[in-house]
Amino acid sequence: MVLSCFSEYFQKLFTTEMKEKYKDCVEVNGVDVKSMTNLVEFMYTGEISINMDNVCYLLAVSDYLQMQFKELCIQYLMDATSPQNCFTIQVLADRFNIPVLSENNKKFIILNYKQVVSNDQFKRQSKEVATLFLQETHNQVSPDLVYTAVMNWVKFDLASNEKYLNELTQFVNFHELSPQILGDAVSVEPLLRKSDDNVDKTLKVFSYHMKNITSPGKSLICLGGARTLNKVMKYDLRRNEWSELPDLPVGRQLASAVVVDNVLYFIAGYLPTAGGNVKPTNIVHRMDLNKNFLQWEKVASVIEERYAAGATVLNGSIFLFGGISINNCRLSSGECFVTSLNKWIKVANMKTEEYFIVLVTLEDRIYLLGGVGTPSVACYDPTLSTWGNVAPMQTARKNLAAVVLNKAIYALGGKGAHEQVLKSVEKFNADNNTWVYVADMNIGRSHHTACVAQNKIYVVGGVNFTNKAVKSVECYDPQTNKWSIVCETEVAFFNHSLVAI
């Protein structure tokens, strides 16, 4: 009776007219003895230990015995997915026909693609598995990551794998590779230069790009804001002039903006309503800057309405954390937008509820600055889905701006203790986990934005110490450690968004 309660296999064995029904001893063939022992003991005691050493065997035996315990194994594998075991988990998901495990594993791979293809488990896969992997994922991540995956696999066992290079490079869209990887990797890769005609064609693509591509970050784009709800303004750094882009379909302020593969995303924010009330929204629009005719289109909405949240891009996916939701509720929740799937999925919550935060990406980690005005800085590891802390800033700041330049994080301005508006700037070095001050901005600012273009930091708008809107744009040159005023805007931007293209 106990065995039958836990296992449909045993229930059928003992309740149907099978010969085993009348035997004192039943032989169960083709299963792992230790796992079978553990599962039978579990049926009687309710106690068992699942770990990475036994979960595969327990899954196989519980599937054979048709036990609900199988669900515990599935959940364990979903929680324990890592770059070191994701290929093994996919084999299990396919072997035992577990769609939920397979879907979870594939999402993990897309979100952590760089770590997955840099791990030895991927590099050790057979040519057939590597080909299938690239076939299923190449259109869901950036071409840069696909190129990295191909070269990592080929070079791991060059003697055996080099002959497959031409076949695997068919999954790399060389036309869409970033200027950085074209210049730093493709142009100097000897394996490509000695390959056959198919790969030689990709080098012609490279030459075309290097002749026609201009310096990245040649324009700034300001979106939305307190006084410019629907406006989208573009500043050409070469021509030193402003122009208008198509208005936002739904104007809002304290929204988030990011660029993925030259596609501009404007995310969430709040809508002013009659009576001055604030209405958080989950609307997301995007505009493909690669097209000749620019227009906004609506894409999948974020899961939870929010404004004053932080957003950044990691491995081609958009991460969104914190903010304020309906009923003035502070949020700790996080979401990730997989662009190829047009879908938002939940990720690990922050340790605390934060708003007016800034997120930046540095070497496969997401860093969170600002919030309630403490100097603390949090760091998110998407591979482990965990939050930790790094060295705090020297100055507590809220309503600040932050960027990454030359593998360092810069925290700019904001409000410090006693609500004073700051012009100070500090720089974080992840290698030694330290913050140091650099040159102050010319003007103290809060509620401003910043971005990096042409290897310099640009700061736009905000409000000064008298709570008056600032119209100036200033620029920081890390080579000289000096700030300079670039121009003034016709309208005052604050509570707006800013990107560089």
Protein backbone atom coordinates (compact mmCIF):
# COMPACT_ATOMS: atom_id res chain seq x y z
CA MET A 1 0.00 0.00 0.00
CA VAL A 2 2.83 2.41 0.82
CA LEU A 3 4.63 1.73 -2.44
CA SER A 4 1.40 2.03 -4.42
CA CYS A 5 0.60 5.41 -2.84
CA PHE A 6 3.90 6.88 -4.03
CA SER A 7 4.35 5.11 -7.36
CA GLU A 8 1.93 4.48 -10.22
CA TYR A 9 4.32 1.77 -11.38
CA PHE A 10 3.88 -0.14 -8.12
CA GLN A 11 0.17 0.57 -8.03
CA LYS A 12 -0.31 -1.07 -11.41
CA LEU A 13 2.09 -3.86 -10.46
CA PHE A 14 0.12 -4.83 -7.35
CA THR A 15 -3.45 -4.04 -8.36
CA THR A 16 -3.64 -5.59 -11.80
CA GLU A 17 -3.50 -9.26 -12.63
CA MET A 18 0.22 -9.40 -13.22
CA LYS A 19 2.34 -12.31 -12.00
CA GLU A 20 4.32 -9.98 -9.73
CA LYS A 21 1.16 -9.45 -7.67
CA TYR A 22 1.57 -12.91 -6.21
CA LYS A 23 5.32 -12.81 -5.63
CA ASP A 24 7.05 -12.07 -2.36
CA CYS A 25 10.04 -10.68 -4.25
CA VAL A 26 9.77 -8.38 -7.32
CA GLU A 27 12.72 -7.76 -9.63
CA VAL A 28 13.04 -4.18 -10.94
CA ASN A 29 15.56 -4.16 -13.77
CA GLY A 30 17.41 -1.32 -15.50
CA VAL A 31 17.51 1.16 -12.60
CA ASP A 32 20.29 2.51 -10.41
CA VAL A 33 20.40 0.43 -7.23
CA LYS A 34 21.40 3.24 -4.89
CA SER A 35 18.75 5.62 -6.21
CA MET A 36 16.11 2.89 -6.03
CA THR A 37 17.09 2.28 -2.41
CA ASN A 38 16.93 5.98 -1.58
CA LEU A 39 13.51 6.39 -3.18
CA VAL A 40 12.01 3.37 -1.42
CA GLU A 41 13.35 4.69 1.89
CA PHE A 42 11.83 8.07 1.01
CA MET A 43 8.44 6.43 0.53
CA TYR A 44 8.57 5.13 4.09
CA THR A 45 10.39 7.96 5.89
CA GLY A 46 9.76 11.11 3.83
CA GLU A 47 13.48 11.86 3.97
CA ILE A 48 15.92 12.15 1.08
CA SER A 49 18.85 14.33 0.03
CA ILE A 50 19.02 15.71 -3.51
CA ASN A 51 22.32 17.00 -4.85
CA MET A 52 24.08 17.39 -8.18
CA ASP A 53 25.73 14.00 -7.77
CA ASN A 54 22.49 12.03 -7.52
CA VAL A 55 19.74 14.17 -9.07
CA CYS A 56 20.16 12.65 -12.54
CA TYR A 57 19.82 9.10 -11.21
CA LEU A 58 16.90 10.04 -8.97
CA LEU A 59 15.16 11.67 -11.91
CA ALA A 60 15.62 8.56 -14.06
CA VAL A 61 14.37 6.15 -11.39
CA SER A 62 11.44 8.36 -10.31
CA ASP A 63 10.44 8.66 -13.97
CA TYR A 64 10.60 4.86 -14.31
CA LEU A 65 8.53 4.41 -11.15
CA GLN A 66 6.11 7.19 -12.22
CA MET A 67 6.52 9.13 -8.97
CA GLN A 68 5.56 12.73 -8.26
CA PHE A 69 9.02 12.96 -6.69
CA LYS A 70 10.16 13.59 -10.25
CA GLU A 71 8.82 17.15 -9.89
CA LEU A 72 11.22 17.79 -7.00
CA CYS A 73 14.12 16.71 -9.18
CA ILE A 74 12.95 19.01 -11.96
CA GLN A 75 12.67 21.97 -9.60
CA TYR A 76 16.11 21.24 -8.17
CA LEU A 77 17.62 21.22 -11.67
CA MET A 78 15.88 24.48 -12.58
CA ASP A 79 17.24 26.17 -9.46
CA ALA A 80 20.74 24.74 -9.94
CA THR A 81 21.16 25.53 -13.65
CA SER A 82 24.61 26.96 -14.40
CA PRO A 83 27.01 27.32 -17.35
CA GLN A 84 28.75 24.20 -16.04
CA ASN A 85 25.69 21.92 -16.27
CA CYS A 86 23.20 23.45 -18.71
CA PHE A 87 24.08 21.03 -21.53
CA THR A 88 23.64 18.03 -19.23
CA ILE A 89 20.29 19.42 -18.09
CA GLN A 90 19.16 19.85 -21.69
CA VAL A 91 19.98 16.19 -22.37
CA LEU A 92 17.85 15.19 -19.36
CA ALA A 93 15.00 17.45 -20.44
CA ASP A 94 14.99 15.87 -23.91
CA ARG A 95 15.50 12.32 -22.63
CA PHE A 96 12.55 12.47 -20.21
CA ASN A 97 10.41 14.86 -22.26
CA ILE A 98 10.22 17.67 -19.69
CA PRO A 99 9.17 20.84 -21.57
CA VAL A 100 9.26 23.11 -18.51
CA LEU A 101 12.86 22.12 -17.74
CA SER A 102 13.86 22.53 -21.37
CA GLU A 103 12.28 25.99 -21.61
CA ASN A 104 13.88 27.14 -18.36
CA ASN A 105 17.27 25.85 -19.50
CA LYS A 106 17.04 27.59 -22.86
CA LYS A 107 16.09 30.89 -21.19
CA PHE A 108 19.09 30.55 -18.90
CA ILE A 109 21.39 29.97 -21.87
CA ILE A 110 20.15 33.06 -23.72
CA LEU A 111 20.43 35.27 -20.62
CA ASN A 112 23.93 33.96 -19.81
CA TYR A 113 25.16 33.25 -23.32
CA LYS A 114 28.64 34.68 -22.94
CA GLN A 115 29.35 32.71 -19.76
CA VAL A 116 27.89 29.53 -21.29
CA VAL A 117 29.98 29.64 -24.48
CA SER A 118 33.09 30.56 -22.47
CA ASN A 119 32.72 27.49 -20.25
CA ASP A 120 34.62 24.29 -20.96
CA GLN A 121 31.42 22.25 -20.97
CA PHE A 122 30.32 24.00 -24.15
CA LYS A 123 33.77 23.77 -25.69
CA ARG A 124 33.85 19.99 -25.10
CA GLN A 125 30.57 19.36 -26.91
CA SER A 126 30.60 17.32 -30.10
CA LYS A 127 30.40 19.00 -33.47
CA GLU A 128 26.78 17.85 -33.81
CA VAL A 129 25.78 19.36 -30.45
CA ALA A 130 27.66 22.59 -31.12
CA THR A 131 26.00 22.93 -34.52
CA LEU A 132 22.53 22.34 -33.07
CA PHE A 133 23.24 24.81 -30.28
CA LEU A 134 24.26 27.55 -32.73
CA GLN A 135 21.34 26.76 -35.01
CA GLU A 136 18.84 27.23 -32.16
CA THR A 137 20.42 30.31 -30.56
CA HIS A 138 22.13 32.37 -33.27
CA ASN A 139 19.05 34.53 -33.94
CA GLN A 140 18.32 35.15 -30.26
CA VAL A 141 21.59 36.85 -29.22
CA SER A 142 23.90 39.43 -30.75
CA PRO A 143 26.13 38.40 -33.70
CA ASP A 144 29.15 39.31 -31.54
CA LEU A 145 28.23 36.57 -29.07
CA VAL A 146 27.64 34.03 -31.86
CA TYR A 147 31.07 34.78 -33.31
CA THR A 148 32.58 34.34 -29.85
CA ALA A 149 30.83 31.00 -29.43
CA VAL A 150 32.10 29.68 -32.78
CA MET A 151 35.70 30.70 -32.17
CA ASN A 152 35.68 29.41 -28.57
CA TRP A 153 34.51 25.98 -29.71
CA VAL A 154 36.87 25.74 -32.68
CA LYS A 155 39.98 26.85 -30.77
CA PHE A 156 39.38 24.57 -27.76
CA ASP A 157 40.48 21.56 -29.81
CA LEU A 158 41.92 23.22 -32.88
CA ALA A 159 43.43 20.09 -34.38
CA SER A 160 40.01 18.37 -34.50
CA ASN A 161 37.68 21.34 -34.92
CA GLU A 162 39.37 23.67 -37.40
CA LYS A 163 37.93 21.78 -40.35
CA TYR A 164 34.39 22.72 -39.19
CA LEU A 165 35.05 26.48 -39.04
CA ASN A 166 33.47 27.25 -42.42
CA GLU A 167 30.37 25.26 -41.57
CA LEU A 168 29.86 26.99 -38.22
CA THR A 169 30.50 30.54 -39.42
CA GLN A 170 27.29 30.29 -41.45
CA PHE A 171 25.52 31.16 -38.19
CA VAL A 172 27.49 34.41 -37.78
CA ASN A 173 25.94 37.50 -39.34
CA PHE A 174 29.16 39.32 -40.18
CA HIS A 175 27.22 42.29 -41.55
CA GLU A 176 25.83 42.98 -38.08
CA LEU A 177 29.01 42.55 -36.03
CA SER A 178 29.95 45.54 -33.90
CA PRO A 179 32.82 47.78 -35.04
CA GLN A 180 34.75 46.78 -31.91
CA ILE A 181 34.75 43.04 -32.59
CA LEU A 182 35.36 43.63 -36.31
CA GLY A 183 38.43 45.67 -35.52
CA ASP A 184 39.72 43.79 -32.48
CA ALA A 185 38.93 40.19 -33.42
CA VAL A 186 37.85 39.50 -37.00
CA SER A 187 40.49 41.65 -38.68
CA VAL A 188 43.36 39.88 -36.88
CA GLU A 189 42.00 36.31 -36.81
CA PRO A 190 44.43 34.07 -38.72
CA LEU A 191 41.95 31.18 -38.89
CA LEU A 192 39.62 33.28 -41.05
CA ARG A 193 42.36 34.40 -43.38
CA LYS A 194 43.45 30.91 -44.31
CA SER A 195 39.95 29.52 -44.76
CA ASP A 196 38.20 28.85 -48.05
CA ASP A 197 36.10 31.16 -50.22
CA ASN A 198 33.05 31.11 -47.93
CA VAL A 199 34.99 32.72 -45.10
CA ASP A 200 36.87 35.02 -47.48
CA LYS A 201 33.52 36.59 -48.28
CA THR A 202 33.12 37.56 -44.64
CA LEU A 203 36.43 39.40 -44.80
CA LYS A 204 35.05 41.43 -47.68
CA VAL A 205 32.15 42.32 -45.41
CA PHE A 206 34.67 43.40 -42.80
CA SER A 207 36.49 45.62 -45.30
CA TYR A 208 33.20 47.19 -46.32
CA HIS A 209 32.33 47.95 -42.71
CA MET A 210 35.71 49.48 -41.93
CA LYS A 211 35.39 51.79 -44.95
CA ASN A 212 31.83 52.87 -44.31
CA ILE A 213 31.30 52.77 -40.57
CA THR A 214 31.75 55.95 -38.57
CA SER A 215 32.95 56.38 -35.04
CA PRO A 216 30.41 54.86 -32.61
CA GLY A 217 28.54 57.25 -30.38
CA LYS A 218 28.22 60.17 -32.76
CA SER A 219 24.86 61.40 -31.45
CA LEU A 220 22.95 61.85 -28.20
CA ILE A 221 19.20 61.24 -27.94
CA CYS A 222 17.04 62.77 -25.18
CA LEU A 223 13.60 61.28 -24.60
CA GLY A 224 10.58 62.38 -22.57
CA GLY A 225 10.92 64.26 -19.31
CA ALA A 226 9.03 66.62 -17.04
CA ARG A 227 8.60 69.40 -19.61
CA THR A 228 9.20 67.38 -22.74
CA LEU A 229 6.86 64.41 -22.34
CA ASN A 230 6.52 63.45 -26.00
CA LYS A 231 9.68 65.00 -27.34
CA VAL A 232 12.62 63.05 -28.74
CA MET A 233 15.63 65.26 -29.53
CA LYS A 234 18.86 64.23 -31.22
CA TYR A 235 22.15 66.08 -30.83
CA ASP A 236 24.76 65.50 -33.57
CA LEU A 237 28.18 65.75 -31.94
CA ARG A 238 29.96 66.32 -35.24
CA ARG A 239 27.66 69.07 -36.50
CA ASN A 240 26.95 70.51 -33.06
CA GLU A 241 23.24 70.79 -33.80
CA TRP A 242 19.91 69.54 -32.43
CA SER A 243 17.12 67.96 -34.49
CA GLU A 244 13.80 66.30 -33.75
CA LEU A 245 13.01 62.60 -34.07
CA PRO A 246 9.46 61.16 -34.16
CA ASP A 247 7.51 62.03 -31.01
CA LEU A 248 6.81 59.30 -28.48
CA PRO A 249 3.35 57.72 -28.96
CA VAL A 250 2.82 58.04 -25.20
CA GLY A 251 4.80 60.78 -23.47
CA ARG A 252 6.06 60.11 -19.96
CA GLN A 253 8.80 60.96 -17.51
CA LEU A 254 11.11 59.00 -15.22
CA ALA A 255 11.11 56.23 -17.81
CA SER A 256 14.13 54.14 -18.85
CA ALA A 257 15.86 54.11 -22.23
CA VAL A 258 18.43 51.69 -23.64
CA VAL A 259 19.81 50.74 -27.05
CA VAL A 260 20.15 47.11 -28.21
CA ASP A 261 21.69 46.48 -31.63
CA ASN A 262 20.89 50.07 -32.67
CA VAL A 263 17.25 49.68 -31.65
CA LEU A 264 16.09 52.30 -29.12
CA TYR A 265 13.78 51.14 -26.30
CA PHE A 266 11.72 53.48 -24.08
CA ILE A 267 10.44 51.61 -21.05
CA ALA A 268 7.71 52.23 -18.46
CA GLY A 269 7.74 55.60 -16.63
CA TYR A 270 4.75 57.56 -15.41
CA LEU A 271 1.93 59.46 -17.07
CA PRO A 272 0.83 62.83 -15.63
CA THR A 273 -2.93 62.85 -15.05
CA ALA A 274 -5.56 65.46 -14.28
CA GLY A 275 -5.05 66.87 -10.81
CA GLY A 276 -1.31 66.26 -10.91
CA ASN A 277 -1.54 62.61 -9.91
CA VAL A 278 1.13 60.13 -10.95
CA LYS A 279 0.16 57.02 -12.89
CA PRO A 280 2.88 54.37 -13.36
CA THR A 281 2.77 52.53 -16.66
CA ASN A 282 4.14 49.31 -18.13
CA ILE A 283 4.23 50.55 -21.74
CA VAL A 284 7.31 49.82 -23.86
CA HIS A 285 8.00 51.34 -27.27
CA ARG A 286 10.95 50.87 -29.56
CA MET A 287 12.35 52.53 -32.69
CA ASP A 288 14.71 50.77 -35.09
CA LEU A 289 17.45 53.29 -35.85
CA ASN A 290 18.78 51.10 -38.65
CA LYS A 291 15.82 51.95 -40.88
CA ASN A 292 15.56 54.91 -43.20
CA PHE A 293 12.01 55.66 -42.08
CA LEU A 294 11.94 56.03 -38.29
CA GLN A 295 8.80 55.20 -36.36
CA TRP A 296 7.86 53.93 -32.92
CA GLU A 297 6.24 50.56 -32.38
CA LYS A 298 4.77 49.01 -29.27
CA VAL A 299 6.33 45.82 -27.92
CA ALA A 300 5.62 43.56 -24.94
CA SER A 301 4.79 45.50 -21.77
CA VAL A 302 6.82 45.08 -18.60
CA ILE A 303 5.28 42.72 -16.06
CA GLU A 304 4.84 45.38 -13.37
CA GLU A 305 4.05 49.08 -13.83
CA ARG A 306 6.93 51.21 -12.57
CA TYR A 307 8.77 54.51 -12.83
CA ALA A 308 12.11 55.79 -11.46
CA ALA A 309 13.49 52.30 -12.14
CA GLY A 310 16.96 51.38 -13.39
CA ALA A 311 17.66 49.71 -16.73
CA THR A 312 20.73 48.36 -18.50
CA VAL A 313 21.71 45.93 -21.26
CA LEU A 314 23.68 42.72 -20.70
CA ASN A 315 24.42 40.15 -23.41
CA GLY A 316 21.75 41.64 -25.67
CA SER A 317 18.97 41.47 -23.05
CA ILE A 318 17.42 44.37 -21.14
CA PHE A 319 17.37 44.24 -17.34
CA LEU A 320 14.97 46.41 -15.34
CA PHE A 321 14.99 46.70 -11.54
CA GLY A 322 13.24 48.62 -8.79
CA GLY A 323 11.24 51.81 -9.08
CA ILE A 324 7.83 52.90 -7.80
CA SER A 325 4.60 51.13 -8.71
CA ILE A 326 0.92 51.83 -8.09
CA ASN A 327 -0.12 53.24 -4.72
CA ASN A 328 3.38 54.70 -4.36
CA CYS A 329 4.74 51.22 -3.64
CA ARG A 330 8.53 50.85 -3.75
CA LEU A 331 9.75 47.82 -5.68
CA SER A 332 12.53 45.31 -5.28
CA SER A 333 11.48 43.22 -8.26
CA GLY A 334 13.46 42.74 -11.44
CA GLU A 335 12.60 41.79 -15.01
CA CYS A 336 14.52 40.86 -18.14
CA PHE A 337 13.43 41.45 -21.73
CA VAL A 338 14.59 38.86 -24.26
CA THR A 339 14.45 40.86 -27.48
CA SER A 340 14.26 37.87 -29.81
CA LEU A 341 11.23 36.50 -27.94
CA ASN A 342 9.58 39.89 -27.33
CA LYS A 343 8.98 38.74 -23.78
CA TRP A 344 9.68 39.95 -20.24
CA ILE A 345 10.58 37.36 -17.60
CA LYS A 346 11.09 37.75 -13.87
CA VAL A 347 14.59 37.63 -12.39
CA ALA A 348 15.91 37.68 -8.82
CA ASN A 349 14.65 40.52 -6.63
CA MET A 350 17.01 43.10 -5.19
CA LYS A 351 17.77 42.78 -1.49
CA THR A 352 15.91 46.04 -0.76
CA GLU A 353 13.18 48.12 -2.32
CA GLU A 354 14.84 50.92 -4.30
CA TYR A 355 13.80 53.75 -6.60
CA PHE A 356 15.55 56.61 -8.43
CA ILE A 357 18.32 54.12 -9.08
CA VAL A 358 20.90 53.83 -11.84
CA LEU A 359 22.04 50.55 -13.38
CA VAL A 360 25.22 50.03 -15.39
CA THR A 361 26.86 46.94 -16.88
CA LEU A 362 30.53 46.17 -16.35
CA GLU A 363 32.15 42.87 -17.39
CA ASP A 364 29.09 40.60 -17.19
CA ARG A 365 27.84 42.13 -13.93
CA ILE A 366 25.11 44.68 -13.27
CA TYR A 367 25.85 47.41 -10.73
CA LEU A 368 23.16 49.37 -8.87
CA LEU A 369 23.85 52.87 -7.58
CA GLY A 370 21.69 55.48 -5.90
CA GLY A 371 18.30 54.68 -4.47
CA VAL A 372 17.45 56.21 -1.10
CA GLY A 373 20.72 58.12 -0.96
CA THR A 374 23.13 55.72 0.69
CA PRO A 375 26.68 55.26 -0.62
CA SER A 376 26.23 51.49 -0.93
CA VAL A 377 26.60 49.82 -4.33
CA ALA A 378 25.02 46.46 -5.16
CA CYS A 379 26.21 43.99 -7.79
CA TYR A 380 24.05 41.43 -9.62
CA ASP A 381 25.47 38.20 -11.05
CA PRO A 382 23.00 36.96 -13.71
CA THR A 383 24.68 33.57 -13.87
CA LEU A 384 23.93 32.83 -10.22
CA SER A 385 20.89 35.16 -10.00
CA THR A 386 22.32 36.63 -6.81
CA TRP A 387 22.92 40.12 -5.45
CA GLY A 388 26.01 41.14 -3.49
CA ASN A 389 27.76 44.35 -2.48
CA VAL A 390 30.97 46.02 -3.58
CA ALA A 391 32.83 48.95 -2.04
CA PRO A 392 30.48 51.87 -1.29
CA MET A 393 30.88 55.25 -2.94
CA GLN A 394 32.74 57.85 -0.93
CA THR A 395 29.69 60.13 -1.09
CA ALA A 396 26.07 59.12 -0.51
CA ARG A 397 24.06 60.06 -3.61
CA LYS A 398 20.53 59.87 -4.91
CA ASN A 399 19.05 61.17 -8.18
CA LEU A 400 22.52 60.69 -9.69
CA ALA A 401 23.71 59.58 -13.11
CA ALA A 402 26.22 56.81 -13.82
CA VAL A 403 28.07 55.42 -16.84
CA VAL A 404 30.81 52.94 -17.71
CA LEU A 405 33.87 54.22 -19.56
CA ASN A 406 37.12 52.32 -20.15
CA LYS A 407 36.11 49.50 -17.77
CA ALA A 408 35.35 51.89 -14.90
CA ILE A 409 32.08 53.12 -13.39
CA TYR A 410 31.57 56.86 -12.97
CA ALA A 411 29.00 58.23 -10.47
CA LEU A 412 28.06 61.79 -11.35
CA GLY A 413 26.38 64.42 -9.19
CA GLY A 414 23.02 63.78 -7.56
CA LYS A 415 21.81 64.83 -4.12
CA GLY A 416 23.91 64.19 -1.04
CA ALA A 417 23.31 64.62 2.66
CA HIS A 418 20.87 67.40 3.60
CA GLU A 419 19.61 67.39 -0.01
CA GLN A 420 22.53 69.45 -1.35
CA VAL A 421 23.04 69.15 -5.10
CA LEU A 422 26.46 67.72 -5.94
CA LYS A 423 28.91 68.46 -8.71
CA SER A 424 31.41 65.83 -7.52
CA VAL A 425 32.25 62.76 -9.61
CA GLU A 426 33.85 59.52 -8.46
CA LYS A 427 35.22 56.53 -10.33
CA PHE A 428 35.05 52.82 -9.43
CA ASN A 429 37.79 50.36 -10.34
CA ALA A 430 36.42 46.81 -10.15
CA ASP A 431 39.89 45.25 -10.15
CA ASN A 432 40.81 46.69 -6.75
CA ASN A 433 37.26 47.45 -5.54
CA THR A 434 37.94 51.12 -4.83
CA TRP A 435 36.32 54.52 -5.53
CA VAL A 436 38.39 57.65 -6.23
CA TYR A 437 37.30 61.21 -6.99
CA VAL A 438 37.93 62.75 -10.40
CA ALA A 439 37.32 66.30 -11.60
CA ASP A 440 34.04 67.94 -10.55
CA MET A 441 31.41 68.88 -13.12
CA ASN A 442 31.07 72.57 -13.88
CA ILE A 443 27.52 72.61 -12.50
CA GLY A 444 25.95 70.65 -9.66
CA ARG A 445 23.07 68.53 -10.97
CA SER A 446 20.40 66.08 -9.87
CA HIS A 447 17.65 64.40 -11.92
CA HIS A 448 20.09 64.56 -14.85
CA THR A 449 21.28 61.88 -17.28
CA ALA A 450 24.62 60.82 -18.71
CA CYS A 451 25.98 58.60 -21.47
CA VAL A 452 29.25 57.75 -23.20
CA ALA A 453 30.04 58.79 -26.76
CA GLN A 454 33.35 58.99 -28.60
CA ASN A 455 35.19 57.87 -25.46
CA LYS A 456 33.88 60.80 -23.43
CA ILE A 457 31.10 61.28 -20.86
CA TYR A 458 28.22 63.61 -21.74
CA VAL A 459 25.83 64.96 -19.10
CA VAL A 460 22.50 66.52 -20.10
CA GLY A 461 19.98 68.56 -18.12
CA GLY A 462 18.85 68.09 -14.55
CA VAL A 463 18.21 70.67 -11.84
CA ASN A 464 20.74 72.75 -9.87
CA PHE A 465 21.02 73.67 -6.19
CA THR A 466 18.23 76.28 -6.55
CA ASN A 467 15.97 73.60 -8.06
CA LYS A 468 16.15 75.38 -11.39
CA ALA A 469 16.34 73.38 -14.60
CA VAL A 470 19.79 73.26 -16.20
CA LYS A 471 19.99 73.68 -19.98
CA SER A 472 23.70 73.07 -20.46
CA VAL A 473 25.36 69.92 -21.79
CA GLU A 474 28.86 69.22 -20.52
CA CYS A 475 31.53 66.72 -21.45
CA TYR A 476 34.28 64.90 -19.52
CA ASP A 477 37.52 63.84 -21.18
CA PRO A 478 39.24 61.06 -19.18
CA GLN A 479 42.53 61.80 -20.91
CA THR A 480 42.72 65.32 -19.47
CA ASN A 481 40.45 64.82 -16.43
CA LYS A 482 38.59 68.01 -17.38
CA TRP A 483 34.96 69.02 -17.96
CA SER A 484 33.86 71.43 -20.67
CA ILE A 485 30.50 72.95 -21.63
CA VAL A 486 29.41 71.62 -25.03
CA CYS A 487 26.18 73.49 -25.74
CA GLU A 488 22.84 74.53 -24.33
CA THR A 489 19.47 73.00 -25.07
CA GLU A 490 16.46 75.02 -26.22
CA VAL A 491 14.30 73.28 -23.62
CA ALA A 492 15.26 72.17 -20.13
CA PHE A 493 15.54 68.41 -19.75
CA PHE A 494 15.01 66.74 -16.37
CA ASN A 495 13.41 63.47 -15.31
CA HIS A 496 14.21 62.48 -18.89
CA SER A 497 16.17 59.64 -20.53
CA LEU A 498 19.37 59.74 -22.54
CA VAL A 499 21.24 57.35 -24.84
CA ALA A 500 24.16 57.58 -27.27
CA ILE A 501 24.11 56.06 -30.75
